[in-house]
C-alpha atoms as a PDB file:
ATOM      1  CA  MET A   1      37.574  -7.675   7.465  1.00  0.00           C
ATOM      2  CA  ASN A   2      35.871  -4.654   9.007  1.00  0.00           C
ATOM      3  CA  LYS A   3      32.358  -4.838  10.437  1.00  0.00           C
ATOM      4  CA  ILE A   4      29.753  -4.874   7.684  1.00  0.00           C
ATOM      5  CA  GLU A   5      27.857  -1.584   7.607  1.00  0.00           C
ATOM      6  CA  PHE A   6      24.928  -1.033   5.273  1.00  0.00           C
ATOM      7  CA  PRO A   7      24.858   2.285   3.378  1.00  0.00           C
ATOM      8  CA  MET A   8      22.243   4.705   4.728  1.00  0.00           C
ATOM      9  CA  LYS A   9      19.624   4.135   2.020  1.00  0.00           C
ATOM     10  CA  VAL A  10      19.998   0.358   2.218  1.00  0.00           C
ATOM     11  CA  LEU A  11      19.703   0.427   6.001  1.00  0.00           C
ATOM     12  CA  ALA A  12      16.611   2.666   5.816  1.00  0.00           C
ATOM     13  CA  VAL A  13      14.949   0.348   3.282  1.00  0.00           C
ATOM     14  CA  LYS A  14      15.729  -2.760   5.304  1.00  0.00           C
ATOM     15  CA  LEU A  15      14.258  -1.177   8.428  1.00  0.00           C
ATOM     16  CA  GLU A  16      11.066   0.073   6.806  1.00  0.00           C
ATOM     17  CA  TYR A  17      10.523  -3.163   4.868  1.00  0.00           C
ATOM     18  CA  ARG A  18      10.616  -5.124   8.127  1.00  0.00           C
ATOM     19  CA  ARG A  19       8.575  -2.584  10.077  1.00  0.00           C
ATOM     20  CA  LEU A  20       5.728  -2.724   7.565  1.00  0.00           C
ATOM     21  CA  LYS A  21       5.870  -6.510   7.474  1.00  0.00           C
ATOM     22  CA  LEU A  22       5.854  -6.728  11.280  1.00  0.00           C
ATOM     23  CA  GLU A  23       2.742  -4.550  11.470  1.00  0.00           C
ATOM     24  CA  LYS A  24       0.819  -7.178   9.503  1.00  0.00           C
ATOM     25  CA  MET A  25       2.013 -10.144  11.561  1.00  0.00           C
ATOM     26  CA  VAL A  26       0.720 -11.786  14.723  1.00  0.00           C
ATOM     27  CA  HIS A  27       2.724 -10.586  17.753  1.00  0.00           C
ATOM     28  CA  GLY A  28       3.455 -12.683  20.789  1.00  0.00           C
ATOM     29  CA  TYR A  29       5.948 -14.706  22.770  1.00  0.00           C
ATOM     30  CA  PHE A  30       6.451 -18.004  24.541  1.00  0.00           C
ATOM     31  CA  ASP A  31       6.220 -18.190  28.315  1.00  0.00           C
ATOM     32  CA  GLU A  32       6.518 -20.823  31.016  1.00  0.00           C
ATOM     33  CA  LYS A  33       4.825 -20.947  34.436  1.00  0.00           C
ATOM     34  CA  ASN A  34       4.822 -23.775  36.955  1.00  0.00           C
ATOM     35  CA  GLY A  35       6.516 -26.064  34.476  1.00  0.00           C
ATOM     36  CA  LYS A  36       3.900 -25.458  31.792  1.00  0.00           C
ATOM     37  CA  ARG A  37       4.545 -23.694  28.493  1.00  0.00           C
ATOM     38  CA  TYR A  38       2.212 -21.109  27.019  1.00  0.00           C
ATOM     39  CA  ILE A  39       1.824 -19.001  23.910  1.00  0.00           C
ATOM     40  CA  VAL A  40       0.966 -15.391  24.684  1.00  0.00           C
ATOM     41  CA  ILE A  41      -0.661 -13.494  21.795  1.00  0.00           C
ATOM     42  CA  THR A  42      -0.439  -9.708  22.153  1.00  0.00           C
ATOM     43  CA  TYR A  43      -1.617  -8.670  18.696  1.00  0.00           C
ATOM     44  CA  ASP A  44      -3.528 -10.346  15.881  1.00  0.00           C
ATOM     45  CA  PRO A  45      -4.530  -8.178  12.907  1.00  0.00           C
ATOM     46  CA  SER A  46      -7.526 -10.450  12.296  1.00  0.00           C
ATOM     47  CA  ILE A  47      -8.798 -10.146  15.893  1.00  0.00           C
ATOM     48  CA  PRO A  48      -8.902  -6.458  16.959  1.00  0.00           C
ATOM     49  CA  LYS A  49      -9.829  -7.204  20.589  1.00  0.00           C
ATOM     50  CA  ILE A  50      -6.460  -8.874  21.249  1.00  0.00           C
ATOM     51  CA  SER A  51      -3.889  -6.399  22.604  1.00  0.00           C
ATOM     52  CA  THR A  52      -1.139  -6.121  25.185  1.00  0.00           C
ATOM     53  CA  ARG A  53      -3.862  -5.444  27.797  1.00  0.00           C
ATOM     54  CA  HIS A  54      -6.171  -8.197  26.527  1.00  0.00           C
ATOM     55  CA  GLN A  55      -3.838 -11.029  25.687  1.00  0.00           C
ATOM     56  CA  ARG A  56      -4.773 -14.459  24.459  1.00  0.00           C
ATOM     57  CA  ILE A  57      -2.977 -17.256  26.321  1.00  0.00           C
ATOM     58  CA  LEU A  58      -2.923 -20.673  24.713  1.00  0.00           C
ATOM     59  CA  SER A  59      -1.356 -24.054  25.247  1.00  0.00           C
ATOM     60  CA  PRO A  60       1.078 -24.939  22.433  1.00  0.00           C
ATOM     61  CA  ARG A  61      -0.496 -28.396  22.451  1.00  0.00           C
ATOM     62  CA  SER A  62      -3.989 -27.126  21.704  1.00  0.00           C
ATOM     63  CA  LYS A  63      -5.280 -27.084  18.150  1.00  0.00           C
ATOM     64  CA  LEU A  64      -5.385 -23.277  18.081  1.00  0.00           C
ATOM     65  CA  GLY A  65      -2.022 -22.988  19.828  1.00  0.00           C
ATOM     66  CA  LYS A  66      -0.358 -25.144  17.193  1.00  0.00           C
ATOM     67  CA  CYS A  67      -1.645 -22.745  14.537  1.00  0.00           C
ATOM     68  CA  TYR A  68       0.153 -19.860  16.239  1.00  0.00           C
ATOM     69  CA  ILE A  69       3.550 -21.484  16.901  1.00  0.00           C
ATOM     70  CA  GLU A  70       4.980 -20.933  13.415  1.00  0.00           C
ATOM     71  CA  GLN A  71       3.575 -17.398  13.244  1.00  0.00           C
ATOM     72  CA  ILE A  72       5.156 -16.402  16.562  1.00  0.00           C
ATOM     73  CA  ASN A  73       8.516 -17.911  15.624  1.00  0.00           C
ATOM     74  CA  GLU A  74       8.423 -16.013  12.310  1.00  0.00           C
ATOM     75  CA  TYR A  75       7.499 -12.795  14.115  1.00  0.00           C
ATOM     76  CA  GLN A  76      10.277 -13.118  16.682  1.00  0.00           C
ATOM     77  CA  ASN A  77      12.904 -13.906  14.051  1.00  0.00           C
ATOM     78  CA  LEU A  78      11.928 -10.870  11.984  1.00  0.00           C
ATOM     79  CA  LYS A  79      11.670  -8.673  15.096  1.00  0.00           C
ATOM     80  CA  ALA A  80      15.207  -9.711  16.062  1.00  0.00           C
ATOM     81  CA  GLU A  81      16.454  -8.670  12.600  1.00  0.00           C
ATOM     82  CA  TYR A  82      14.620  -5.363  12.927  1.00  0.00           C
ATOM     83  CA  ASP A  83      16.075  -4.650  16.373  1.00  0.00           C
ATOM     84  CA  VAL A  84      19.643  -5.288  15.185  1.00  0.00           C
ATOM     85  CA  LEU A  85      19.145  -2.953  12.223  1.00  0.00           C
ATOM     86  CA  LEU A  86      17.534  -0.277  14.399  1.00  0.00           C
ATOM     87  CA  ASN A  87      20.414  -0.428  16.887  1.00  0.00           C
ATOM     88  CA  GLU A  88      22.828  -0.036  13.990  1.00  0.00           C
ATOM     89  CA  TRP A  89      20.907   3.021  12.778  1.00  0.00           C
ATOM     90  CA  TYR A  90      20.980   4.813  16.135  1.00  0.00           C
ATOM     91  CA  SER A  91      24.615   3.916  16.695  1.00  0.00           C
ATOM     92  CA  ARG A  92      25.434   5.905  13.550  1.00  0.00           C
ATOM     93  CA  TYR A  93      22.782   8.610  13.311  1.00  0.00           C
ATOM     94  CA  CYS A  94      21.167  11.002  15.800  1.00  0.00           C
ATOM     95  CA  PHE A  95      17.872  11.215  13.905  1.00  0.00           C
ATOM     96  CA  ALA A  96      15.041   8.795  13.244  1.00  0.00           C
ATOM     97  CA  PRO A  97      15.064   6.653  10.104  1.00  0.00           C
ATOM     98  CA  PRO A  98      12.749   7.742   7.293  1.00  0.00           C
ATOM     99  CA  LYS A  99       9.670   6.142   5.892  1.00  0.00           C
ATOM    100  CA  VAL A 100      10.145   4.548   2.493  1.00  0.00           C
ATOM    101  CA  LYS A 101       7.816   4.872  -0.455  1.00  0.00           C
ATOM    102  CA  PHE A 102       7.118   1.323  -1.625  1.00  0.00           C
ATOM    103  CA  PRO A 103       7.094  -0.041  -4.253  1.00  0.00           C
ATOM    104  CA  ILE A 104      10.418   1.405  -5.295  1.00  0.00           C
ATOM    105  CA  VAL A 105      10.323   2.223  -9.005  1.00  0.00           C
ATOM    106  CA  GLN A 106      13.497   2.087 -11.076  1.00  0.00           C
ATOM    107  CA  TYR A 107      14.297   4.886 -13.515  1.00  0.00           C
ATOM    108  CA  SER A 108      14.927   2.213 -16.138  1.00  0.00           C
ATOM    109  CA  ASP A 109      14.394  -1.542 -16.023  1.00  0.00           C
ATOM    110  CA  PRO A 110      14.954  -2.943 -19.549  1.00  0.00           C
ATOM    111  CA  HIS A 111      14.721  -6.605 -18.502  1.00  0.00           C
ATOM    112  CA  ARG A 112      12.184  -6.335 -15.641  1.00  0.00           C
ATOM    113  CA  MET A 113      14.725  -7.815 -13.250  1.00  0.00           C
ATOM    114  CA  ASN A 114      12.449  -7.967 -10.224  1.00  0.00           C
ATOM    115  CA  ASN A 115      11.603 -10.626  -7.631  1.00  0.00           C
ATOM    116  CA  GLU A 116       9.443 -12.440 -10.154  1.00  0.00           C
ATOM    117  CA  TYR A 117      12.401 -12.553 -12.544  1.00  0.00           C
ATOM    118  CA  TYR A 118      14.610 -13.956  -9.774  1.00  0.00           C
ATOM    119  CA  ASN A 119      12.094 -16.606  -8.706  1.00  0.00           C
ATOM    120  CA  ALA A 120      11.637 -17.807 -12.297  1.00  0.00           C
ATOM    121  CA  ARG A 121      15.350 -18.523 -12.795  1.00  0.00           C
ATOM    122  CA  GLU A 122      17.061 -21.789 -11.933  1.00  0.00           C
ATOM    123  CA  GLY A 123      20.560 -22.083 -10.548  1.00  0.00           C
ATOM    124  CA  LYS A 124      23.414 -24.571 -10.903  1.00  0.00           C
ATOM    125  CA  LEU A 125      23.066 -24.815 -14.683  1.00  0.00           C
ATOM    126  CA  GLY A 126      26.761 -24.453 -15.520  1.00  0.00           C
ATOM    127  CA  LYS A 127      28.200 -27.374 -17.451  1.00  0.00           C
ATOM    128  CA  TYR A 128      31.885 -26.727 -16.846  1.00  0.00           C
ATOM    129  CA  THR A 129      33.408 -28.898 -14.127  1.00  0.00           C
ATOM    130  CA  PRO A 130      36.923 -28.033 -12.916  1.00  0.00           C
ATOM    131  CA  ASP A 131      39.461 -30.768 -12.257  1.00  0.00           C
ATOM    132  CA  ASN A 132      39.595 -29.790  -8.583  1.00  0.00           C
ATOM    133  CA  PRO A 133      36.223 -28.268  -7.641  1.00  0.00           C
ATOM    134  CA  THR A 134      35.798 -26.323  -4.406  1.00  0.00           C
ATOM    135  CA  VAL A 135      33.314 -28.336  -2.354  1.00  0.00           C
ATOM    136  CA  SER A 136      30.958 -26.212  -0.233  1.00  0.00           C
ATOM    137  CA  GLU A 137      27.478 -25.975   1.239  1.00  0.00           C
ATOM    138  CA  HIS A 138      26.557 -24.084  -1.936  1.00  0.00           C
ATOM    139  CA  GLY A 139      27.573 -27.023  -4.127  1.00  0.00           C
ATOM    140  CA  ASP A 140      30.734 -27.713  -6.106  1.00  0.00           C
ATOM    141  CA  LEU A 141      32.220 -24.357  -7.144  1.00  0.00           C
ATOM    142  CA  LYS A 142      34.898 -23.438  -9.648  1.00  0.00           C
ATOM    143  CA  SER A 143      37.123 -21.538  -7.242  1.00  0.00           C
ATOM    144  CA  LYS A 144      37.770 -20.499  -3.667  1.00  0.00           C
ATOM    145  CA  ASN A 145      37.068 -16.899  -4.663  1.00  0.00           C
ATOM    146  CA  GLU A 146      33.532 -17.923  -5.612  1.00  0.00           C
ATOM    147  CA  LEU A 147      33.164 -19.686  -2.264  1.00  0.00           C
ATOM    148  CA  MET A 148      34.250 -16.611  -0.320  1.00  0.00           C
ATOM    149  CA  GLY A 149      31.940 -14.431  -2.386  1.00  0.00           C
ATOM    150  CA  LEU A 150      28.908 -16.668  -1.829  1.00  0.00           C
ATOM    151  CA  ASP A 151      29.690 -16.963   1.878  1.00  0.00           C
ATOM    152  CA  LEU A 152      29.720 -13.164   2.120  1.00  0.00           C
ATOM    153  CA  LEU A 153      26.373 -12.884   0.305  1.00  0.00           C
ATOM    154  CA  LYS A 154      24.914 -15.302   2.838  1.00  0.00           C
ATOM    155  CA  GLU A 155      26.420 -13.298   5.715  1.00  0.00           C
ATOM    156  CA  ILE A 156      24.989 -10.040   4.354  1.00  0.00           C
ATOM    157  CA  GLY A 157      21.586 -11.698   3.904  1.00  0.00           C
ATOM    158  CA  ILE A 158      21.366 -11.414   0.121  1.00  0.00           C
ATOM    159  CA  PRO A 159      19.744 -14.475  -1.549  1.00  0.00           C
ATOM    160  CA  PHE A 160      21.493 -15.817  -4.644  1.00  0.00           C
ATOM    161  CA  LYS A 161      21.342 -18.529  -7.287  1.00  0.00           C
ATOM    162  CA  TYR A 162      24.669 -19.937  -8.420  1.00  0.00           C
ATOM    163  CA  GLU A 163      25.328 -20.187 -12.159  1.00  0.00           C
ATOM    164  CA  PRO A 164      21.939 -19.371 -13.695  1.00  0.00           C
ATOM    165  CA  GLU A 165      21.648 -19.344 -17.486  1.00  0.00           C
ATOM    166  CA  ILE A 166      21.178 -16.436 -19.872  1.00  0.00           C
ATOM    167  CA  TYR A 167      21.304 -16.143 -23.672  1.00  0.00           C
ATOM    168  CA  LEU A 168      23.102 -13.080 -25.053  1.00  0.00           C
ATOM    169  CA  ALA A 169      21.952 -12.622 -28.637  1.00  0.00           C
ATOM    170  CA  GLU A 170      24.642 -10.065 -29.515  1.00  0.00           C
ATOM    171  CA  ILE A 171      27.374 -12.668 -29.073  1.00  0.00           C
ATOM    172  CA  ASN A 172      25.077 -15.600 -29.907  1.00  0.00           C
ATOM    173  CA  GLU A 173      26.073 -17.412 -26.760  1.00  0.00           C
ATOM    174  CA  THR A 174      24.413 -18.903 -23.683  1.00  0.00           C
ATOM    175  CA  ILE A 175      26.447 -18.091 -20.621  1.00  0.00           C
ATOM    176  CA  ASN A 176      26.361 -18.894 -16.910  1.00  0.00           C
ATOM    177  CA  PRO A 177      27.024 -15.796 -14.780  1.00  0.00           C
ATOM    178  CA  ASP A 178      28.569 -16.596 -11.406  1.00  0.00           C
ATOM    179  CA  CYS A 179      25.258 -15.906  -9.697  1.00  0.00           C
ATOM    180  CA  LEU A 180      21.996 -13.991  -9.700  1.00  0.00           C
ATOM    181  CA  ILE A 181      21.529 -12.006  -6.496  1.00  0.00           C
ATOM    182  CA  ASN A 182      18.242 -10.736  -5.103  1.00  0.00           C
ATOM    183  CA  PHE A 183      17.725  -7.353  -3.423  1.00  0.00           C
ATOM    184  CA  TYR A 184      14.221  -8.470  -2.520  1.00  0.00           C
ATOM    185  CA  GLU A 185      13.373  -5.473  -0.319  1.00  0.00           C
ATOM    186  CA  ILE A 186      13.402  -3.231  -3.394  1.00  0.00           C
ATOM    187  CA  ASP A 187      11.996  -5.866  -5.795  1.00  0.00           C
ATOM    188  CA  ARG A 188      15.243  -5.979  -7.734  1.00  0.00           C
ATOM    189  CA  CYS A 189      17.876  -8.528  -8.770  1.00  0.00           C
ATOM    190  CA  ALA A 190      21.174  -8.420 -10.654  1.00  0.00           C
ATOM    191  CA  TYR A 191      23.759 -10.756 -12.117  1.00  0.00           C
ATOM    192  CA  LEU A 192      27.061 -10.873 -10.258  1.00  0.00           C
ATOM    193  CA  GLU A 193      30.358 -11.712 -11.928  1.00  0.00           C
ATOM    194  CA  ILE A 194      33.511 -12.350  -9.885  1.00  0.00           C
ATOM    195  CA  LEU A 195      36.290 -11.725 -12.385  1.00  0.00           C
ATOM    196  CA  GLY A 196      39.740 -13.143 -11.778  1.00  0.00           C
ATOM    197  CA  MET A 197      42.579 -14.906 -13.578  1.00  0.00           C
ATOM    198  CA  THR A 198      43.276 -11.768 -15.666  1.00  0.00           C
ATOM    199  CA  ASP A 199      46.754 -13.192 -16.285  1.00  0.00           C
ATOM    200  CA  LYS A 200      45.333 -15.976 -18.472  1.00  0.00           C
ATOM    201  CA  ILE A 201      44.742 -14.752 -22.028  1.00  0.00           C
ATOM    202  CA  GLU A 202      42.024 -17.272 -22.934  1.00  0.00           C
ATOM    203  CA  TYR A 203      40.013 -16.448 -19.813  1.00  0.00           C
ATOM    204  CA  TYR A 204      40.589 -12.714 -20.327  1.00  0.00           C
ATOM    205  CA  VAL A 205      39.304 -12.809 -23.921  1.00  0.00           C
ATOM    206  CA  LYS A 206      36.254 -14.828 -22.888  1.00  0.00           C
ATOM    207  CA  THR A 207      35.538 -12.371 -20.097  1.00  0.00           C
ATOM    208  CA  CYS A 208      35.796  -9.390 -22.458  1.00  0.00           C
ATOM    209  CA  ASN A 209      33.405 -11.078 -24.888  1.00  0.00           C
ATOM    210  CA  LYS A 210      30.932 -11.710 -22.065  1.00  0.00           C
ATOM    211  CA  ILE A 211      31.114  -8.085 -20.895  1.00  0.00           C
ATOM    212  CA  TYR A 212      30.577  -6.944 -24.497  1.00  0.00           C
ATOM    213  CA  GLY A 213      27.505  -9.174 -24.773  1.00  0.00           C
ATOM    214  CA  PHE A 214      26.060  -7.840 -21.527  1.00  0.00           C
ATOM    215  CA  SER A 215      26.677  -4.265 -22.662  1.00  0.00           C
ATOM    216  CA  LYS A 216      25.054  -4.678 -26.083  1.00  0.00           C
ATOM    217  CA  GLU A 217      22.012  -6.309 -24.454  1.00  0.00           C
ATOM    218  CA  ILE A 218      21.700  -3.285 -22.088  1.00  0.00           C
ATOM    219  CA  TYR A 219      22.748  -5.032 -18.881  1.00  0.00           C
ATOM    220  CA  ARG A 220      24.192  -1.963 -17.205  1.00  0.00           C
ATOM    221  CA  PRO A 221      27.191  -2.256 -14.841  1.00  0.00           C
ATOM    222  CA  GLY A 222      26.051  -1.607 -11.281  1.00  0.00           C
ATOM    223  CA  ARG A 223      22.432  -2.240 -12.239  1.00  0.00           C
ATOM    224  CA  GLU A 224      21.588  -5.424 -14.154  1.00  0.00           C
ATOM    225  CA  VAL A 225      25.101  -6.819 -13.742  1.00  0.00           C
ATOM    226  CA  ILE A 226      27.701  -6.195 -11.029  1.00  0.00           C
ATOM    227  CA  TYR A 227      31.374  -6.829 -11.793  1.00  0.00           C
ATOM    228  CA  VAL A 228      33.791  -7.559  -8.961  1.00  0.00           C
ATOM    229  CA  ILE A 229      37.330  -7.687 -10.349  1.00  0.00           C
ATOM    230  CA  MET A 230      39.700  -9.649  -8.120  1.00  0.00           C
ATOM    231  CA  TYR A 231      43.094  -8.348  -9.192  1.00  0.00           C
ATOM    232  CA  ASP A 232      44.941 -10.671  -6.827  1.00  0.00           C
ATOM    233  CA  LYS A 233      43.527 -14.172  -7.182  1.00  0.00           C
ATOM    234  CA  TYR A 234      45.498 -15.331  -4.139  1.00  0.00           C
ATOM    235  CA  ASN A 235      44.052 -12.720  -1.775  1.00  0.00           C
ATOM    236  CA  PHE A 236      40.285 -12.288  -1.778  1.00  0.00           C
ATOM    237  CA  ASP A 237      39.469  -8.690  -0.797  1.00  0.00           C
ATOM    238  CA  LYS A 238      36.318  -9.093   1.293  1.00  0.00           C
ATOM    239  CA  ASP A 239      35.840  -5.386   1.986  1.00  0.00           C
ATOM    240  CA  TYR A 240      36.051  -4.595  -1.729  1.00  0.00           C
ATOM    241  CA  PHE A 241      33.567  -7.341  -2.612  1.00  0.00           C
ATOM    242  CA  ILE A 242      31.049  -6.108  -0.042  1.00  0.00           C
ATOM    243  CA  SER A 243      31.452  -2.470  -1.096  1.00  0.00           C
ATOM    244  CA  GLN A 244      30.764  -3.333  -4.747  1.00  0.00           C
ATOM    245  CA  VAL A 245      27.599  -5.270  -3.941  1.00  0.00           C
ATOM    246  CA  LEU A 246      26.200  -2.832  -1.383  1.00  0.00           C
ATOM    247  CA  SER A 247      27.094   0.222  -3.482  1.00  0.00           C
ATOM    248  CA  ALA A 248      25.053  -1.217  -6.341  1.00  0.00           C
ATOM    249  CA  TYR A 249      22.170  -1.934  -3.956  1.00  0.00           C
ATOM    250  CA  ASN A 250      22.348   1.604  -2.565  1.00  0.00           C
ATOM    251  CA  ASP A 251      22.417   3.167  -6.044  1.00  0.00           C
ATOM    252  CA  MET A 252      19.247   1.281  -7.017  1.00  0.00           C
ATOM    253  CA  ILE A 253      17.314   3.167  -4.318  1.00  0.00           C
ATOM    254  CA  PRO A 254      16.204   6.583  -5.655  1.00  0.00           C
ATOM    255  CA  ASP A 255      16.708   9.447  -3.211  1.00  0.00           C
ATOM    256  CA  ASP A 256      13.030  10.388  -3.473  1.00  0.00           C
ATOM    257  CA  ALA A 257      12.001   6.939  -2.207  1.00  0.00           C
ATOM    258  CA  LEU A 258      13.007   8.062   1.290  1.00  0.00           C
ATOM    259  CA  LEU A 259      10.446  10.256   3.026  1.00  0.00           C
ATOM    260  CA  TRP A 260      12.150  12.354   5.693  1.00  0.00           C
ATOM    261  CA  GLU A 261       9.405  13.422   8.062  1.00  0.00           C
ATOM    262  CA  ASP A 262       9.385  14.306  11.741  1.00  0.00           C
ATOM    263  CA  THR A 263       6.524  11.848  12.146  1.00  0.00           C
ATOM    264  CA  SER A 264       8.529   8.932  10.729  1.00  0.00           C
ATOM    265  CA  LYS A 265       7.394   5.638  12.175  1.00  0.00           C
ATOM    266  CA  ALA A 266      10.315   3.588  10.927  1.00  0.00           C
ATOM    267  CA  GLY A 267      12.041   3.749  14.300  1.00  0.00           C
ATOM    268  CA  THR A 268       8.885   3.516  16.405  1.00  0.00           C
ATOM    269  CA  LEU A 269       7.552   0.028  15.932  1.00  0.00           C
ATOM    270  CA  LYS A 270       4.956  -0.646  18.595  1.00  0.00           C
ATOM    271  CA  THR A 271       6.163  -3.487  20.760  1.00  0.00           C
ATOM    272  CA  SER A 272       4.350  -5.522  23.358  1.00  0.00           C
ATOM    273  CA  GLY A 273       7.120  -6.251  25.799  1.00  0.00           C
ATOM    274  CA  GLU A 274       7.470  -9.731  24.374  1.00  0.00           C
ATOM    275  CA  THR A 275      10.121 -12.007  25.757  1.00  0.00           C
ATOM    276  CA  PRO A 276      12.138 -13.647  22.957  1.00  0.00           C
ATOM    277  CA  GLY A 277      11.781 -17.376  22.746  1.00  0.00           C
ATOM    278  CA  VAL A 278      11.221 -20.276  20.411  1.00  0.00           C
ATOM    279  CA  ALA A 279       8.758 -23.112  20.410  1.00  0.00           C
END
């Protein structure tokens, strides 16, 4: 499999989403001197006087220090994600990333499939149990193709819920899509179906009926539902799977959501010279 590269709009959104979130977080790092550990706070949005020149130094054992430990760990984890994405941007482009106009509004959203929709759904509701399930960290799955697909979603950083439940009135049937995936940066989610076993008539007919139900209920391909057809069930095409998912994500970002300005701040997050570390 080739190195995973986010499409330009997806990469821009991921960068700006993290930049804006970082600006609202406490900044700092962990340090050690003479065998003693310290928490160094370089920015706190609730305390304007704290800065890189007027740092607050605390013991992690103090009551106040303990309050900061989780915040600093969260900041450093997100900052590490941001730095990786920013390096990827400048390795591919010779211009600064754009600002992004949040919230991102969809041209059409018939089912309001946003983060709230995703959070309200439960996973692992499928009742069918195969004779030889594929055991994984995600639970017992129906196939190895599902396992490889879910592993890739985890690698890409896309949250998912395996086998949620949805009623399709047009076919009068409650079905369990393979998973519901969450593009949380753009407040959007979609059902994902990994379609295989096209050589089995019964499965093929059931799949066609499901696709018909989705279509009649206005679950649009590449929007509310993403189909990944695995033509060779013995060889999982990872590059194809990733391209289908990320292409859908990219298409859900309107071009006018990106603000291309010379004064873009997306690539100019103010840092404090923090040294990465964990408590």
